[in-house]
Amino acid sequence: QVQLVESGGGSVQAGGSLRLSCAASGITYSSYCMAWFRQAPGKEREGVAHIYIGGGGTYYANSVKGRFTISQDIGKNVVYLQMNSLKPEDTAMYYCAASVRWCTLNTEFYNYWGQGTQVTVSS
């Protein structure tokens, strides 16, 4: 039984920083992909970043390049999303997801999802 639990969301001012965490349990594969997605009210869910667990390769959406960093703590099976220079347009519910197929920012490839954590950026 795979479970993903996000934490670290909250409210910050524009230009501030926040670090999200995703704790994964029940994944038996030695290699898989973990990603962060976000969805604002009335908007379509969009991919933010992903990381290959087993290789460490990362990928970022253009909207967050240079500001966000995805990383992993292998021993704890935890993936982080460090968010710097936050903007009001970053406001959304952030979801952690895992895929045992390919590493992409396409939701169709993700098998498991967390419940989400809210990030609100005010000006």
C-alpha atoms as a PDB file:
ATOM      1  CA  GLN A   1       0.000   0.000   0.000  1.00  0.00           C
ATOM      2  CA  VAL A   2       1.599   3.227  -1.191  1.00  0.00           C
ATOM      3  CA  GLN A   3       1.001   6.402   0.755  1.00  0.00           C
ATOM      4  CA  LEU A   4       2.236   9.918   0.096  1.00  0.00           C
ATOM      5  CA  VAL A   5       1.918  12.610   2.724  1.00  0.00           C
ATOM      6  CA  GLU A   6       2.695  16.262   2.000  1.00  0.00           C
ATOM      7  CA  SER A   7       3.547  18.876   4.582  1.00  0.00           C
ATOM      8  CA  GLY A   8       5.110  22.307   4.832  1.00  0.00           C
ATOM      9  CA  GLY A   9       2.472  24.425   3.141  1.00  0.00           C
ATOM     10  CA  GLY A  10       1.416  27.771   4.516  1.00  0.00           C
ATOM     11  CA  SER A  11       1.083  31.484   3.850  1.00  0.00           C
ATOM     12  CA  VAL A  12       4.040  33.670   2.945  1.00  0.00           C
ATOM     13  CA  GLN A  13       4.661  37.091   1.471  1.00  0.00           C
ATOM     14  CA  ALA A  14       5.888  37.580  -2.068  1.00  0.00           C
ATOM     15  CA  GLY A  15       9.629  37.043  -2.249  1.00  0.00           C
ATOM     16  CA  GLY A  16       9.589  34.635   0.657  1.00  0.00           C
ATOM     17  CA  SER A  17      10.532  30.975   0.820  1.00  0.00           C
ATOM     18  CA  LEU A  18       8.863  27.744   1.778  1.00  0.00           C
ATOM     19  CA  ARG A  19       9.914  24.100   1.768  1.00  0.00           C
ATOM     20  CA  LEU A  20       7.411  21.352   1.075  1.00  0.00           C
ATOM     21  CA  SER A  21       7.992  17.750   2.096  1.00  0.00           C
ATOM     22  CA  CYS A  22       6.552  14.525   0.748  1.00  0.00           C
ATOM     23  CA  ALA A  23       6.989  11.368   2.793  1.00  0.00           C
ATOM     24  CA  ALA A  24       6.547   8.190   0.778  1.00  0.00           C
ATOM     25  CA  SER A  25       5.845   4.749   2.180  1.00  0.00           C
ATOM     26  CA  GLY A  26       5.016   1.364   0.706  1.00  0.00           C
ATOM     27  CA  ILE A  27       6.977   1.792  -2.540  1.00  0.00           C
ATOM     28  CA  THR A  28       8.935  -1.389  -3.232  1.00  0.00           C
ATOM     29  CA  TYR A  29      10.548  -0.355  -6.522  1.00  0.00           C
ATOM     30  CA  SER A  30      14.222   0.518  -6.388  1.00  0.00           C
ATOM     31  CA  SER A  31      13.739   3.258  -8.944  1.00  0.00           C
ATOM     32  CA  TYR A  32      10.734   5.448  -9.656  1.00  0.00           C
ATOM     33  CA  CYS A  33       9.802   9.044 -10.218  1.00  0.00           C
ATOM     34  CA  MET A  34       8.487  11.560  -7.731  1.00  0.00           C
ATOM     35  CA  ALA A  35       6.920  14.822  -8.809  1.00  0.00           C
ATOM     36  CA  TRP A  36       5.195  17.940  -7.570  1.00  0.00           C
ATOM     37  CA  PHE A  37       2.067  19.300  -9.214  1.00  0.00           C
ATOM     38  CA  ARG A  38      -0.059  22.285  -8.326  1.00  0.00           C
ATOM     39  CA  GLN A  39      -3.594  23.421  -8.966  1.00  0.00           C
ATOM     40  CA  ALA A  40      -5.191  26.785  -8.330  1.00  0.00           C
ATOM     41  CA  PRO A  41      -8.982  27.251  -8.111  1.00  0.00           C
ATOM     42  CA  GLY A  42     -10.489  27.239 -11.589  1.00  0.00           C
ATOM     43  CA  LYS A  43      -7.176  26.266 -13.157  1.00  0.00           C
ATOM     44  CA  GLU A  44      -5.922  23.043 -14.672  1.00  0.00           C
ATOM     45  CA  ARG A  45      -3.422  20.992 -12.706  1.00  0.00           C
ATOM     46  CA  GLU A  46       0.121  21.707 -13.845  1.00  0.00           C
ATOM     47  CA  GLY A  47       3.425  19.967 -13.321  1.00  0.00           C
ATOM     48  CA  VAL A  48       6.056  21.781 -11.270  1.00  0.00           C
ATOM     49  CA  ALA A  49       9.084  19.499 -11.019  1.00  0.00           C
ATOM     50  CA  HIS A  50      10.118  15.872 -10.861  1.00  0.00           C
ATOM     51  CA  ILE A  51      13.056  13.827  -9.655  1.00  0.00           C
ATOM     52  CA  TYR A  52      14.215  10.344 -10.572  1.00  0.00           C
ATOM     53  CA  ILE A  53      14.588   8.247  -7.434  1.00  0.00           C
ATOM     54  CA  GLY A  54      17.548   6.033  -8.206  1.00  0.00           C
ATOM     55  CA  GLY A  55      19.360   8.420 -10.499  1.00  0.00           C
ATOM     56  CA  GLY A  56      18.704  11.864  -9.102  1.00  0.00           C
ATOM     57  CA  GLY A  57      17.948  13.597 -12.389  1.00  0.00           C
ATOM     58  CA  THR A  58      15.579  16.552 -12.103  1.00  0.00           C
ATOM     59  CA  TYR A  59      13.325  18.587 -14.349  1.00  0.00           C
ATOM     60  CA  TYR A  60      11.454  21.846 -13.843  1.00  0.00           C
ATOM     61  CA  ALA A  61       8.594  23.654 -15.456  1.00  0.00           C
ATOM     62  CA  ASN A  62       9.653  26.924 -17.064  1.00  0.00           C
ATOM     63  CA  SER A  63       7.529  28.899 -14.628  1.00  0.00           C
ATOM     64  CA  VAL A  64       9.627  27.805 -11.643  1.00  0.00           C
ATOM     65  CA  LYS A  65      13.110  27.401 -13.108  1.00  0.00           C
ATOM     66  CA  GLY A  66      15.713  29.194 -11.053  1.00  0.00           C
ATOM     67  CA  ARG A  67      13.357  29.573  -8.098  1.00  0.00           C
ATOM     68  CA  PHE A  68      12.337  26.047  -7.057  1.00  0.00           C
ATOM     69  CA  THR A  69      14.548  23.072  -6.254  1.00  0.00           C
ATOM     70  CA  ILE A  70      13.417  19.469  -5.929  1.00  0.00           C
ATOM     71  CA  SER A  71      15.588  17.116  -3.889  1.00  0.00           C
ATOM     72  CA  GLN A  72      15.470  13.805  -2.072  1.00  0.00           C
ATOM     73  CA  ASP A  73      16.481  12.254   1.221  1.00  0.00           C
ATOM     74  CA  ILE A  74      17.036   8.652   0.178  1.00  0.00           C
ATOM     75  CA  GLY A  75      17.324   7.186   3.656  1.00  0.00           C
ATOM     76  CA  LYS A  76      14.041   8.714   4.780  1.00  0.00           C
ATOM     77  CA  ASN A  77      12.169   8.280   1.481  1.00  0.00           C
ATOM     78  CA  VAL A  78      11.334  11.959   1.519  1.00  0.00           C
ATOM     79  CA  VAL A  79      11.204  14.383  -1.395  1.00  0.00           C
ATOM     80  CA  TYR A  80      11.404  18.124  -0.896  1.00  0.00           C
ATOM     81  CA  LEU A  81      10.421  21.150  -2.907  1.00  0.00           C
ATOM     82  CA  GLN A  82      12.360  24.229  -1.878  1.00  0.00           C
ATOM     83  CA  MET A  83      10.502  27.289  -3.132  1.00  0.00           C
ATOM     84  CA  ASN A  84      12.299  30.624  -3.196  1.00  0.00           C
ATOM     85  CA  SER A  85      11.344  34.040  -4.546  1.00  0.00           C
ATOM     86  CA  LEU A  86       7.700  33.102  -4.299  1.00  0.00           C
ATOM     87  CA  LYS A  87       5.160  35.019  -6.354  1.00  0.00           C
ATOM     88  CA  PRO A  88       1.391  35.420  -5.912  1.00  0.00           C
ATOM     89  CA  GLU A  89       0.907  33.282  -9.023  1.00  0.00           C
ATOM     90  CA  ASP A  90       2.527  30.387  -7.156  1.00  0.00           C
ATOM     91  CA  THR A  91      -0.545  30.228  -4.933  1.00  0.00           C
ATOM     92  CA  ALA A  92      -2.110  26.787  -5.326  1.00  0.00           C
ATOM     93  CA  MET A  93      -2.712  23.423  -3.764  1.00  0.00           C
ATOM     94  CA  TYR A  94       0.503  21.472  -4.176  1.00  0.00           C
ATOM     95  CA  TYR A  95       0.372  17.719  -4.693  1.00  0.00           C
ATOM     96  CA  CYS A  96       3.054  15.085  -4.411  1.00  0.00           C
ATOM     97  CA  ALA A  97       2.866  12.173  -6.853  1.00  0.00           C
ATOM     98  CA  ALA A  98       4.795   8.994  -7.667  1.00  0.00           C
ATOM     99  CA  SER A  99       5.187   7.086 -10.909  1.00  0.00           C
ATOM    100  CA  VAL A 100       6.642   3.640 -11.550  1.00  0.00           C
ATOM    101  CA  ARG A 101       6.774   4.305 -15.287  1.00  0.00           C
ATOM    102  CA  TRP A 102       8.311   7.436 -16.771  1.00  0.00           C
ATOM    103  CA  CYS A 103       9.506  10.700 -15.287  1.00  0.00           C
ATOM    104  CA  THR A 104       7.363  13.399 -16.858  1.00  0.00           C
ATOM    105  CA  LEU A 105       5.130  16.288 -15.839  1.00  0.00           C
ATOM    106  CA  ASN A 106       2.119  14.560 -17.347  1.00  0.00           C
ATOM    107  CA  THR A 107      -0.443  13.528 -14.743  1.00  0.00           C
ATOM    108  CA  GLU A 108      -1.359  10.405 -16.735  1.00  0.00           C
ATOM    109  CA  PHE A 109       1.902   8.713 -15.750  1.00  0.00           C
ATOM    110  CA  TYR A 110       1.480   9.064 -12.014  1.00  0.00           C
ATOM    111  CA  ASN A 111       0.053   6.171 -10.051  1.00  0.00           C
ATOM    112  CA  TYR A 112      -0.104   7.616  -6.570  1.00  0.00           C
ATOM    113  CA  TRP A 113      -1.030  10.992  -5.140  1.00  0.00           C
ATOM    114  CA  GLY A 114      -0.907  12.740  -1.819  1.00  0.00           C
ATOM    115  CA  GLN A 115      -3.762  14.750  -0.347  1.00  0.00           C
ATOM    116  CA  GLY A 116      -2.186  18.103  -1.104  1.00  0.00           C
ATOM    117  CA  THR A 117      -0.849  21.018   0.918  1.00  0.00           C
ATOM    118  CA  GLN A 118      -1.937  24.617   0.426  1.00  0.00           C
ATOM    119  CA  VAL A 119       0.549  27.342  -0.482  1.00  0.00           C
ATOM    120  CA  THR A 120      -0.629  30.938  -0.410  1.00  0.00           C
ATOM    121  CA  VAL A 121       1.589  33.828  -1.486  1.00  0.00           C
ATOM    122  CA  SER A 122       0.413  37.354  -0.783  1.00  0.00           C
ATOM    123  CA  SER A 123       1.730  40.700  -1.977  1.00  0.00           C
END
